[in-house]
Amino acid sequence: MAFTYKTGAGEQHIGFIAEDVPDLVATKDRKGLSPMDIVAVLTKVVKEQQGVMQKQQEMINELSGEMKELKRKLRLRDELVRDDSSR
């Protein structure tokens, strides 16, 4: 979010506004942020996302294997149909 400090002479900044963030990372007076708390929360989120991505990759690998097997079976079936029709 872009914002300008009241005393900033029009200089624009990008970042969080304490009033707009969860209590977990805001200071008790809601006038600031706790950088270490933000790092901790982001680290946890990244770890959770990595777990989700790992599960998704496993599922992709499994489905890819199933698809390869189905394609192999279809090729075999097509070969059998061609053999039967050529007789």
PDB file of N, CA and C in Angstrom:
ATOM      1  N   MET A   1       0.846  -1.171   0.000  1.00  0.00           N
ATOM      2  CA  MET A   1       0.000   0.000   0.000  1.00  0.00           C
ATOM      3  C   MET A   1       0.894   1.239   0.000  1.00  0.00           C
ATOM      4  N   ALA A   2       0.573   2.182  -0.806  1.00  0.00           N
ATOM      5  CA  ALA A   2       1.336   3.429  -0.861  1.00  0.00           C
ATOM      6  C   ALA A   2       0.702   4.449   0.081  1.00  0.00           C
ATOM      7  N   PHE A   3       1.558   5.207   0.751  1.00  0.00           N
ATOM      8  CA  PHE A   3       1.050   6.228   1.666  1.00  0.00           C
ATOM      9  C   PHE A   3       2.077   7.334   1.807  1.00  0.00           C
ATOM     10  N   THR A   4       1.630   8.456   2.351  1.00  0.00           N
ATOM     11  CA  THR A   4       2.503   9.601   2.590  1.00  0.00           C
ATOM     12  C   THR A   4       2.397   9.981   4.060  1.00  0.00           C
ATOM     13  N   TYR A   5       3.556  10.125   4.728  1.00  0.00           N
ATOM     14  CA  TYR A   5       3.540  10.574   6.123  1.00  0.00           C
ATOM     15  C   TYR A   5       3.027  12.011   6.182  1.00  0.00           C
ATOM     16  N   LYS A   6       2.323  12.340   7.258  1.00  0.00           N
ATOM     17  CA  LYS A   6       1.797  13.699   7.411  1.00  0.00           C
ATOM     18  C   LYS A   6       2.914  14.733   7.376  1.00  0.00           C
ATOM     19  N   THR A   7       4.072  14.381   7.918  1.00  0.00           N
ATOM     20  CA  THR A   7       5.200  15.323   7.951  1.00  0.00           C
ATOM     21  C   THR A   7       6.217  15.004   6.866  1.00  0.00           C
ATOM     22  N   GLY A   8       5.840  14.224   5.873  1.00  0.00           N
ATOM     23  CA  GLY A   8       6.782  13.723   4.876  1.00  0.00           C
ATOM     24  C   GLY A   8       6.991  14.586   3.658  1.00  0.00           C
ATOM     25  N   ALA A   9       6.470  15.754   3.598  1.00  0.00           N
ATOM     26  CA  ALA A   9       6.661  16.679   2.471  1.00  0.00           C
ATOM     27  C   ALA A   9       6.319  16.009   1.140  1.00  0.00           C
ATOM     28  N   GLY A  10       5.252  15.242   1.112  1.00  0.00           N
ATOM     29  CA  GLY A  10       4.775  14.641  -0.122  1.00  0.00           C
ATOM     30  C   GLY A  10       5.527  13.399  -0.575  1.00  0.00           C
ATOM     31  N   GLU A  11       6.500  12.964   0.202  1.00  0.00           N
ATOM     32  CA  GLU A  11       7.275  11.773  -0.163  1.00  0.00           C
ATOM     33  C   GLU A  11       6.432  10.518   0.064  1.00  0.00           C
ATOM     34  N   GLN A  12       6.305   9.709  -0.979  1.00  0.00           N
ATOM     35  CA  GLN A  12       5.468   8.522  -0.888  1.00  0.00           C
ATOM     36  C   GLN A  12       6.272   7.308  -0.439  1.00  0.00           C
ATOM     37  N   HIS A  13       5.639   6.474   0.377  1.00  0.00           N
ATOM     38  CA  HIS A  13       6.247   5.251   0.894  1.00  0.00           C
ATOM     39  C   HIS A  13       5.337   4.072   0.564  1.00  0.00           C
ATOM     40  N   ILE A  14       5.932   2.899   0.540  1.00  0.00           N
ATOM     41  CA  ILE A  14       5.156   1.680   0.330  1.00  0.00           C
ATOM     42  C   ILE A  14       5.387   0.784   1.529  1.00  0.00           C
ATOM     43  N   GLY A  15       4.326   0.227   2.047  1.00  0.00           N
ATOM     44  CA  GLY A  15       4.458  -0.656   3.200  1.00  0.00           C
ATOM     45  C   GLY A  15       3.114  -0.923   3.836  1.00  0.00           C
ATOM     46  N   PHE A  16       3.180  -1.385   5.065  1.00  0.00           N
ATOM     47  CA  PHE A  16       1.970  -1.685   5.823  1.00  0.00           C
ATOM     48  C   PHE A  16       1.558  -0.474   6.640  1.00  0.00           C
ATOM     49  N   ILE A  17       0.288  -0.356   6.871  1.00  0.00           N
ATOM     50  CA  ILE A  17      -0.242   0.645   7.793  1.00  0.00           C
ATOM     51  C   ILE A  17      -0.709  -0.138   9.012  1.00  0.00           C
ATOM     52  N   ALA A  18      -0.240   0.245  10.181  1.00  0.00           N
ATOM     53  CA  ALA A  18      -0.494  -0.528  11.398  1.00  0.00           C
ATOM     54  C   ALA A  18      -1.979  -0.802  11.622  1.00  0.00           C
ATOM     55  N   GLU A  19      -2.825   0.144  11.288  1.00  0.00           N
ATOM     56  CA  GLU A  19      -4.260  -0.035  11.512  1.00  0.00           C
ATOM     57  C   GLU A  19      -4.845  -1.116  10.607  1.00  0.00           C
ATOM     58  N   ASP A  20      -4.147  -1.431   9.504  1.00  0.00           N
ATOM     59  CA  ASP A  20      -4.668  -2.382   8.525  1.00  0.00           C
ATOM     60  C   ASP A  20      -4.117  -3.798   8.669  1.00  0.00           C
ATOM     61  N   VAL A  21      -3.231  -4.036   9.606  1.00  0.00           N
ATOM     62  CA  VAL A  21      -2.640  -5.371   9.754  1.00  0.00           C
ATOM     63  C   VAL A  21      -3.270  -6.094  10.939  1.00  0.00           C
ATOM     64  N   PRO A  22      -3.150  -7.408  10.983  1.00  0.00           N
ATOM     65  CA  PRO A  22      -3.697  -8.166  12.117  1.00  0.00           C
ATOM     66  C   PRO A  22      -3.022  -7.771  13.427  1.00  0.00           C
ATOM     67  N   ASP A  23      -3.738  -7.925  14.519  1.00  0.00           N
ATOM     68  CA  ASP A  23      -3.194  -7.601  15.849  1.00  0.00           C
ATOM     69  C   ASP A  23      -1.887  -8.332  16.116  1.00  0.00           C
ATOM     70  N   LEU A  24      -1.748  -9.499  15.520  1.00  0.00           N
ATOM     71  CA  LEU A  24      -0.580 -10.343  15.738  1.00  0.00           C
ATOM     72  C   LEU A  24       0.738  -9.633  15.415  1.00  0.00           C
ATOM     73  N   VAL A  25       0.738  -8.737  14.439  1.00  0.00           N
ATOM     74  CA  VAL A  25       1.986  -8.076  14.034  1.00  0.00           C
ATOM     75  C   VAL A  25       2.019  -6.577  14.344  1.00  0.00           C
ATOM     76  N   ALA A  26       0.943  -6.050  14.853  1.00  0.00           N
ATOM     77  CA  ALA A  26       0.913  -4.623  15.206  1.00  0.00           C
ATOM     78  C   ALA A  26       1.380  -4.443  16.648  1.00  0.00           C
ATOM     79  N   THR A  27       1.914  -3.261  16.927  1.00  0.00           N
ATOM     80  CA  THR A  27       2.263  -2.964  18.316  1.00  0.00           C
ATOM     81  C   THR A  27       0.978  -2.781  19.112  1.00  0.00           C
ATOM     82  N   LYS A  28       1.093  -2.833  20.429  1.00  0.00           N
ATOM     83  CA  LYS A  28      -0.108  -2.767  21.274  1.00  0.00           C
ATOM     84  C   LYS A  28      -0.905  -1.485  21.070  1.00  0.00           C
ATOM     85  N   ASP A  29      -0.198  -0.379  20.796  1.00  0.00           N
ATOM     86  CA  ASP A  29      -0.905   0.893  20.592  1.00  0.00           C
ATOM     87  C   ASP A  29      -1.391   1.063  19.148  1.00  0.00           C
ATOM     88  N   ARG A  30      -1.116   0.058  18.284  1.00  0.00           N
ATOM     89  CA  ARG A  30      -1.526   0.047  16.867  1.00  0.00           C
ATOM     90  C   ARG A  30      -0.934   1.213  16.081  1.00  0.00           C
ATOM     91  N   LYS A  31       0.173   1.749  16.565  1.00  0.00           N
ATOM     92  CA  LYS A  31       0.816   2.841  15.848  1.00  0.00           C
ATOM     93  C   LYS A  31       2.064   2.376  15.099  1.00  0.00           C
ATOM     94  N   GLY A  32       2.364   1.109  15.202  1.00  0.00           N
ATOM     95  CA  GLY A  32       3.552   0.589  14.538  1.00  0.00           C
ATOM     96  C   GLY A  32       3.427  -0.913  14.308  1.00  0.00           C
ATOM     97  N   LEU A  33       4.465  -1.455  13.724  1.00  0.00           N
ATOM     98  CA  LEU A  33       4.505  -2.886  13.428  1.00  0.00           C
ATOM     99  C   LEU A  33       5.715  -3.501  14.102  1.00  0.00           C
ATOM    100  N   SER A  34       5.618  -4.764  14.383  1.00  0.00           N
ATOM    101  CA  SER A  34       6.740  -5.491  14.951  1.00  0.00           C
ATOM    102  C   SER A  34       7.402  -6.297  13.833  1.00  0.00           C
ATOM    103  N   PRO A  35       8.541  -5.825  13.320  1.00  0.00           N
ATOM    104  CA  PRO A  35       9.183  -6.510  12.192  1.00  0.00           C
ATOM    105  C   PRO A  35       9.483  -7.980  12.469  1.00  0.00           C
ATOM    106  N   MET A  36       9.923  -8.305  13.668  1.00  0.00           N
ATOM    107  CA  MET A  36      10.243  -9.706  13.975  1.00  0.00           C
ATOM    108  C   MET A  36       8.988 -10.567  13.971  1.00  0.00           C
ATOM    109  N   ASP A  37       7.868 -10.021  14.411  1.00  0.00           N
ATOM    110  CA  ASP A  37       6.615 -10.772  14.371  1.00  0.00           C
ATOM    111  C   ASP A  37       6.179 -11.005  12.921  1.00  0.00           C
ATOM    112  N   ILE A  38       6.400 -10.005  12.073  1.00  0.00           N
ATOM    113  CA  ILE A  38       6.059 -10.160  10.649  1.00  0.00           C
ATOM    114  C   ILE A  38       6.914 -11.269  10.040  1.00  0.00           C
ATOM    115  N   VAL A  39       8.210 -11.277  10.366  1.00  0.00           N
ATOM    116  CA  VAL A  39       9.111 -12.314   9.854  1.00  0.00           C
ATOM    117  C   VAL A  39       8.647 -13.687  10.319  1.00  0.00           C
ATOM    118  N   ALA A  40       8.276 -13.798  11.592  1.00  0.00           N
ATOM    119  CA  ALA A  40       7.824 -15.084  12.130  1.00  0.00           C
ATOM    120  C   ALA A  40       6.558 -15.565  11.423  1.00  0.00           C
ATOM    121  N   VAL A  41       5.598 -14.665  11.237  1.00  0.00           N
ATOM    122  CA  VAL A  41       4.344 -15.029  10.569  1.00  0.00           C
ATOM    123  C   VAL A  41       4.624 -15.435   9.122  1.00  0.00           C
ATOM    124  N   LEU A  42       5.420 -14.660   8.416  1.00  0.00           N
ATOM    125  CA  LEU A  42       5.733 -14.981   7.018  1.00  0.00           C
ATOM    126  C   LEU A  42       6.491 -16.300   6.902  1.00  0.00           C
ATOM    127  N   THR A  43       7.393 -16.567   7.842  1.00  0.00           N
ATOM    128  CA  THR A  43       8.129 -17.832   7.836  1.00  0.00           C
ATOM    129  C   THR A  43       7.173 -19.000   7.992  1.00  0.00           C
ATOM    130  N   LYS A  44       6.211 -18.875   8.902  1.00  0.00           N
ATOM    131  CA  LYS A  44       5.228 -19.941   9.100  1.00  0.00           C
ATOM    132  C   LYS A  44       4.376 -20.136   7.847  1.00  0.00           C
ATOM    133  N   VAL A  45       3.957 -19.051   7.244  1.00  0.00           N
ATOM    134  CA  VAL A  45       3.137 -19.131   6.027  1.00  0.00           C
ATOM    135  C   VAL A  45       3.918 -19.813   4.908  1.00  0.00           C
ATOM    136  N   VAL A  46       5.191 -19.456   4.752  1.00  0.00           N
ATOM    137  CA  VAL A  46       6.012 -20.061   3.705  1.00  0.00           C
ATOM    138  C   VAL A  46       6.153 -21.564   3.946  1.00  0.00           C
ATOM    139  N   LYS A  47       6.378 -21.962   5.192  1.00  0.00           N
ATOM    140  CA  LYS A  47       6.492 -23.390   5.516  1.00  0.00           C
ATOM    141  C   LYS A  47       5.197 -24.124   5.183  1.00  0.00           C
ATOM    142  N   GLU A  48       4.062 -23.523   5.535  1.00  0.00           N
ATOM    143  CA  GLU A  48       2.777 -24.147   5.227  1.00  0.00           C
ATOM    144  C   GLU A  48       2.582 -24.262   3.717  1.00  0.00           C
ATOM    145  N   GLN A  49       2.948 -23.224   2.980  1.00  0.00           N
ATOM    146  CA  GLN A  49       2.824 -23.258   1.523  1.00  0.00           C
ATOM    147  C   GLN A  49       3.726 -24.330   0.924  1.00  0.00           C
ATOM    148  N   GLN A  50       4.914 -24.488   1.473  1.00  0.00           N
ATOM    149  CA  GLN A  50       5.819 -25.519   0.972  1.00  0.00           C
ATOM    150  C   GLN A  50       5.209 -26.901   1.171  1.00  0.00           C
ATOM    151  N   GLY A  51       4.536 -27.115   2.309  1.00  0.00           N
ATOM    152  CA  GLY A  51       3.864 -28.384   2.547  1.00  0.00           C
ATOM    153  C   GLY A  51       2.753 -28.622   1.540  1.00  0.00           C
ATOM    154  N   VAL A  52       1.977 -27.596   1.277  1.00  0.00           N
ATOM    155  CA  VAL A  52       0.889 -27.708   0.296  1.00  0.00           C
ATOM    156  C   VAL A  52       1.459 -27.990  -1.091  1.00  0.00           C
ATOM    157  N   MET A  53       2.523 -27.271  -1.464  1.00  0.00           N
ATOM    158  CA  MET A  53       3.128 -27.485  -2.781  1.00  0.00           C
ATOM    159  C   MET A  53       3.710 -28.887  -2.894  1.00  0.00           C
ATOM    160  N   GLN A  54       4.285 -29.403  -1.817  1.00  0.00           N
ATOM    161  CA  GLN A  54       4.831 -30.760  -1.826  1.00  0.00           C
ATOM    162  C   GLN A  54       3.719 -31.772  -2.094  1.00  0.00           C
ATOM    163  N   LYS A  55       2.575 -31.603  -1.403  1.00  0.00           N
ATOM    164  CA  LYS A  55       1.433 -32.499  -1.617  1.00  0.00           C
ATOM    165  C   LYS A  55       0.902 -32.384  -3.043  1.00  0.00           C
ATOM    166  N   GLN A  56       0.848 -31.164  -3.557  1.00  0.00           N
ATOM    167  CA  GLN A  56       0.382 -30.969  -4.928  1.00  0.00           C
ATOM    168  C   GLN A  56       1.329 -31.637  -5.919  1.00  0.00           C
ATOM    169  N   GLN A  57       2.635 -31.526  -5.686  1.00  0.00           N
ATOM    170  CA  GLN A  57       3.605 -32.150  -6.581  1.00  0.00           C
ATOM    171  C   GLN A  57       3.464 -33.667  -6.548  1.00  0.00           C
ATOM    172  N   GLU A  58       3.249 -34.219  -5.355  1.00  0.00           N
ATOM    173  CA  GLU A  58       3.046 -35.661  -5.244  1.00  0.00           C
ATOM    174  C   GLU A  58       1.809 -36.095  -6.023  1.00  0.00           C
ATOM    175  N   MET A  59       0.744 -35.292  -5.918  1.00  0.00           N
ATOM    176  CA  MET A  59      -0.480 -35.610  -6.636  1.00  0.00           C
ATOM    177  C   MET A  59      -0.260 -35.505  -8.151  1.00  0.00           C
ATOM    178  N   ILE A  60       0.460 -34.486  -8.581  1.00  0.00           N
ATOM    179  CA  ILE A  60       0.771 -34.326 -10.008  1.00  0.00           C
ATOM    180  C   ILE A  60       1.546 -35.540 -10.501  1.00  0.00           C
ATOM    181  N   ASN A  61       2.544 -35.958  -9.725  1.00  0.00           N
ATOM    182  CA  ASN A  61       3.346 -37.116 -10.114  1.00  0.00           C
ATOM    183  C   ASN A  61       2.482 -38.373 -10.207  1.00  0.00           C
ATOM    184  N   GLU A  62       1.605 -38.557  -9.236  1.00  0.00           N
ATOM    185  CA  GLU A  62       0.721 -39.718  -9.231  1.00  0.00           C
ATOM    186  C   GLU A  62      -0.212 -39.704 -10.442  1.00  0.00           C
ATOM    187  N   LEU A  63      -0.831 -38.557 -10.693  1.00  0.00           N
ATOM    188  CA  LEU A  63      -1.749 -38.438 -11.821  1.00  0.00           C
ATOM    189  C   LEU A  63      -1.020 -38.596 -13.152  1.00  0.00           C
ATOM    190  N   SER A  64       0.195 -38.091 -13.220  1.00  0.00           N
ATOM    191  CA  SER A  64       0.992 -38.237 -14.434  1.00  0.00           C
ATOM    192  C   SER A  64       1.278 -39.715 -14.704  1.00  0.00           C
ATOM    193  N   GLY A  65       1.605 -40.446 -13.657  1.00  0.00           N
ATOM    194  CA  GLY A  65       1.834 -41.878 -13.801  1.00  0.00           C
ATOM    195  C   GLY A  65       0.580 -42.604 -14.259  1.00  0.00           C
ATOM    196  N   GLU A  66      -0.557 -42.232 -13.668  1.00  0.00           N
ATOM    197  CA  GLU A  66      -1.827 -42.848 -14.064  1.00  0.00           C
ATOM    198  C   GLU A  66      -2.149 -42.538 -15.528  1.00  0.00           C
ATOM    199  N   MET A  67      -1.871 -41.316 -15.934  1.00  0.00           N
ATOM    200  CA  MET A  67      -2.148 -40.913 -17.311  1.00  0.00           C
ATOM    201  C   MET A  67      -1.260 -41.692 -18.292  1.00  0.00           C
ATOM    202  N   LYS A  68      -0.006 -41.860 -17.939  1.00  0.00           N
ATOM    203  CA  LYS A  68       0.899 -42.633 -18.794  1.00  0.00           C
ATOM    204  C   LYS A  68       0.396 -44.069 -18.932  1.00  0.00           C
ATOM    205  N   GLU A  69      -0.060 -44.644 -17.828  1.00  0.00           N
ATOM    206  CA  GLU A  69      -0.571 -46.013 -17.851  1.00  0.00           C
ATOM    207  C   GLU A  69      -1.831 -46.109 -18.712  1.00  0.00           C
ATOM    208  N   LEU A  70      -2.718 -45.131 -18.594  1.00  0.00           N
ATOM    209  CA  LEU A  70      -3.929 -45.123 -19.423  1.00  0.00           C
ATOM    210  C   LEU A  70      -3.587 -44.989 -20.903  1.00  0.00           C
ATOM    211  N   LYS A  71      -2.619 -44.126 -21.229  1.00  0.00           N
ATOM    212  CA  LYS A  71      -2.203 -43.976 -22.623  1.00  0.00           C
ATOM    213  C   LYS A  71      -1.623 -45.287 -23.154  1.00  0.00           C
ATOM    214  N   ARG A  72      -0.842 -45.965 -22.329  1.00  0.00           N
ATOM    215  CA  ARG A  72      -0.268 -47.245 -22.735  1.00  0.00           C
ATOM    216  C   ARG A  72      -1.377 -48.254 -23.019  1.00  0.00           C
ATOM    217  N   LYS A  73      -2.388 -48.293 -22.142  1.00  0.00           N
ATOM    218  CA  LYS A  73      -3.500 -49.224 -22.331  1.00  0.00           C
ATOM    219  C   LYS A  73      -4.303 -48.880 -23.586  1.00  0.00           C
ATOM    220  N   LEU A  74      -4.481 -47.603 -23.848  1.00  0.00           N
ATOM    221  CA  LEU A  74      -5.203 -47.184 -25.055  1.00  0.00           C
ATOM    222  C   LEU A  74      -4.440 -47.588 -26.317  1.00  0.00           C
ATOM    223  N   ARG A  75      -3.123 -47.421 -26.296  1.00  0.00           N
ATOM    224  CA  ARG A  75      -2.320 -47.835 -27.447  1.00  0.00           C
ATOM    225  C   ARG A  75      -2.456 -49.339 -27.690  1.00  0.00           C
ATOM    226  N   LEU A  76      -2.401 -50.106 -26.604  1.00  0.00           N
ATOM    227  CA  LEU A  76      -2.566 -51.557 -26.737  1.00  0.00           C
ATOM    228  C   LEU A  76      -3.945 -51.911 -27.293  1.00  0.00           C
ATOM    229  N   ARG A  77      -4.967 -51.233 -26.782  1.00  0.00           N
ATOM    230  CA  ARG A  77      -6.330 -51.483 -27.261  1.00  0.00           C
ATOM    231  C   ARG A  77      -6.448 -51.142 -28.741  1.00  0.00           C
ATOM    232  N   ASP A  78      -5.882 -49.976 -29.112  1.00  0.00           N
ATOM    233  CA  ASP A  78      -5.922 -49.562 -30.519  1.00  0.00           C
ATOM    234  C   ASP A  78      -5.209 -50.578 -31.414  1.00  0.00           C
ATOM    235  N   GLU A  79      -4.094 -51.092 -30.933  1.00  0.00           N
ATOM    236  CA  GLU A  79      -3.365 -52.104 -31.707  1.00  0.00           C
ATOM    237  C   GLU A  79      -4.211 -53.370 -31.868  1.00  0.00           C
ATOM    238  N   LEU A  80      -4.892 -53.782 -30.804  1.00  0.00           N
ATOM    239  CA  LEU A  80      -5.761 -54.963 -30.878  1.00  0.00           C
ATOM    240  C   LEU A  80      -6.916 -54.740 -31.848  1.00  0.00           C
ATOM    241  N   VAL A  81      -7.506 -53.543 -31.799  1.00  0.00           N
ATOM    242  CA  VAL A  81      -8.623 -53.219 -32.697  1.00  0.00           C
ATOM    243  C   VAL A  81      -8.132 -53.244 -34.138  1.00  0.00           C
ATOM    244  N   ARG A  82      -6.973 -52.673 -34.412  1.00  0.00           N
ATOM    245  CA  ARG A  82      -6.406 -52.680 -35.771  1.00  0.00           C
ATOM    246  C   ARG A  82      -6.128 -54.115 -36.241  1.00  0.00           C
ATOM    247  N   ASP A  83      -5.581 -54.904 -35.335  1.00  0.00           N
ATOM    248  CA  ASP A  83      -5.319 -56.307 -35.684  1.00  0.00           C
ATOM    249  C   ASP A  83      -6.603 -57.060 -36.006  1.00  0.00           C
ATOM    250  N   ASP A  84      -7.643 -56.820 -35.202  1.00  0.00           N
ATOM    251  CA  ASP A  84      -8.929 -57.491 -35.421  1.00  0.00           C
ATOM    252  C   ASP A  84      -9.574 -57.041 -36.732  1.00  0.00           C
ATOM    253  N   SER A  85      -9.446 -55.747 -37.028  1.00  0.00           N
ATOM    254  CA  SER A  85     -10.089 -55.236 -38.239  1.00  0.00           C
ATOM    255  C   SER A  85      -9.334 -55.629 -39.510  1.00  0.00           C
ATOM    256  N   SER A  86      -8.060 -55.932 -39.372  1.00  0.00           N
ATOM    257  CA  SER A  86      -7.290 -56.318 -40.551  1.00  0.00           C
ATOM    258  C   SER A  86      -7.472 -57.800 -40.901  1.00  0.00           C
ATOM    259  N   ARG A  87      -8.153 -58.534 -40.065  1.00  0.00           N
ATOM    260  CA  ARG A  87      -8.356 -59.974 -40.326  1.00  0.00           C
ATOM    261  C   ARG A  87      -9.565 -60.218 -41.158  1.00  0.00           C
TER     262      ARG A  87
END
